[in-house]
Amino acid sequence: MRLVVYALVAAAFAAPAAATTHGTSRPLLIAAATDAMAEGEVRKVDTSAKKITIKHGELRNLDMPAMTMVFQVADPAMLAKVKVGDRVRFRPDKVNGAFTVMEIEAVK
């Protein structure tokens, strides 16, 4: 019985090590972070409310279709990095029930 338990524990620890790539040499964590990035266009920046409106494509990590929506921002300083009309790449997430931009960068 102990041998079976040890084998199962060893297999559990070996599986994540074996699954560290995503069809490439990139670790899964990097692939997951890249997959969570979305693209869009800034429609409104509301610094007083600490919110940003983005017309975006599909948000795969949130299972949402393309639309225009208002997001909170994790850090209000991010709002100074973008302006209305900017094409952006951003990482959305749901934090305490609110759709939130965790990071954002203007696309040149």
Protein backbone atom coordinates (compact mmCIF):
# COMPACT_ATOMS: atom_id res chain seq x y z
CA MET A 1 0.00 0.00 0.00
CA ARG A 2 2.81 2.43 0.87
CA LEU A 3 4.47 1.73 -2.45
CA VAL A 4 1.28 2.75 -4.30
CA VAL A 5 1.03 5.98 -2.28
CA TYR A 6 4.69 6.81 -2.96
CA ALA A 7 4.19 6.12 -6.66
CA LEU A 8 1.15 8.40 -6.79
CA VAL A 9 3.00 11.19 -4.96
CA ALA A 10 6.00 10.84 -7.26
CA ALA A 11 3.74 10.94 -10.33
CA ALA A 12 1.98 14.07 -9.03
CA PHE A 13 5.29 15.89 -8.67
CA ALA A 14 6.65 14.65 -12.00
CA ALA A 15 3.58 15.67 -14.03
CA PRO A 16 4.01 19.44 -13.58
CA ALA A 17 7.70 19.15 -14.44
CA ALA A 18 6.86 17.27 -17.61
CA ALA A 19 4.22 19.85 -18.54
CA THR A 20 6.42 22.91 -18.40
CA THR A 21 6.22 23.70 -22.08
CA HIS A 22 3.31 24.61 -24.31
CA GLY A 23 4.42 23.07 -27.58
CA THR A 24 7.43 25.38 -27.49
CA SER A 25 10.38 26.01 -25.25
CA ARG A 26 8.35 28.64 -23.34
CA PRO A 27 7.33 27.70 -19.81
CA LEU A 28 3.59 27.39 -19.26
CA LEU A 29 3.54 30.39 -16.93
CA ILE A 30 4.85 32.64 -19.69
CA ALA A 31 2.43 31.15 -22.20
CA ALA A 32 -0.47 31.67 -19.78
CA ALA A 33 0.51 35.30 -19.17
CA THR A 34 0.78 35.94 -22.91
CA ASP A 35 -2.56 34.25 -23.57
CA ALA A 36 -4.21 36.50 -20.96
CA MET A 37 -3.17 39.66 -22.83
CA ALA A 38 -5.91 41.18 -24.95
CA GLU A 39 -5.97 43.94 -27.54
CA GLY A 40 -8.26 46.90 -27.76
CA GLU A 41 -8.76 50.63 -28.23
CA VAL A 42 -9.13 53.14 -25.40
CA ARG A 43 -12.50 54.91 -25.63
CA LYS A 44 -12.49 56.82 -22.32
CA VAL A 45 -10.10 57.46 -19.42
CA ASP A 46 -11.73 58.49 -16.13
CA THR A 47 -8.94 59.27 -13.69
CA SER A 48 -11.26 60.49 -10.90
CA ALA A 49 -13.21 57.20 -10.92
CA LYS A 50 -10.04 55.15 -11.62
CA LYS A 51 -11.71 53.50 -14.63
CA ILE A 52 -11.01 53.00 -18.31
CA THR A 53 -13.36 52.15 -21.17
CA ILE A 54 -11.88 49.81 -23.78
CA LYS A 55 -13.31 48.45 -27.02
CA HIS A 56 -11.67 45.03 -26.98
CA GLY A 57 -11.48 41.76 -28.81
CA GLU A 58 -12.24 38.41 -27.21
CA LEU A 59 -11.06 38.08 -23.60
CA ARG A 60 -10.12 34.40 -23.51
CA ASN A 61 -9.17 34.30 -19.84
CA LEU A 62 -12.59 35.72 -18.88
CA ASP A 63 -14.52 33.79 -21.56
CA MET A 64 -16.01 37.02 -22.96
CA PRO A 65 -16.72 38.04 -26.55
CA ALA A 66 -15.54 41.27 -28.15
CA MET A 67 -17.33 44.38 -26.86
CA THR A 68 -16.82 47.82 -25.34
CA MET A 69 -16.78 47.88 -21.56
CA VAL A 70 -15.63 49.81 -18.51
CA PHE A 71 -12.85 48.37 -16.37
CA GLN A 72 -11.44 49.35 -13.02
CA VAL A 73 -7.65 49.58 -12.89
CA ALA A 74 -5.41 47.78 -10.43
CA ASP A 75 -3.11 50.82 -10.27
CA PRO A 76 -4.45 54.32 -11.09
CA ALA A 77 -0.98 55.30 -12.38
CA MET A 78 -1.66 53.10 -15.43
CA LEU A 79 -4.20 55.65 -16.67
CA ALA A 80 -1.40 58.17 -17.31
CA LYS A 81 0.20 55.74 -19.79
CA VAL A 82 -2.69 55.82 -22.28
CA LYS A 83 -5.13 58.24 -23.89
CA VAL A 84 -8.36 58.05 -25.85
CA GLY A 85 -7.76 56.51 -29.27
CA ASP A 86 -4.66 54.50 -28.25
CA ARG A 87 -4.41 50.90 -29.41
CA VAL A 88 -3.47 48.88 -26.33
CA ARG A 89 -2.52 45.45 -25.09
CA PHE A 90 -3.87 44.78 -21.62
CA ARG A 91 -4.36 42.00 -19.09
CA PRO A 92 -7.91 41.90 -17.74
CA ASP A 93 -8.98 39.89 -14.71
CA LYS A 94 -11.92 39.69 -12.35
CA VAL A 95 -10.96 41.01 -8.90
CA ASN A 96 -13.52 40.89 -6.08
CA GLY A 97 -16.28 40.67 -8.68
CA ALA A 98 -15.07 43.68 -10.71
CA PHE A 99 -13.51 43.50 -14.16
CA THR A 100 -10.08 45.03 -13.68
CA VAL A 101 -7.13 45.93 -15.90
CA MET A 102 -4.05 44.47 -14.21
CA GLU A 103 -1.53 45.87 -16.73
CA ILE A 104 -1.72 47.93 -19.91
CA GLU A 105 0.61 49.18 -22.61
CA ALA A 106 0.07 51.32 -25.68
CA VAL A 107 0.82 49.58 -28.97
CA LYS A 108 2.98 51.61 -31.34
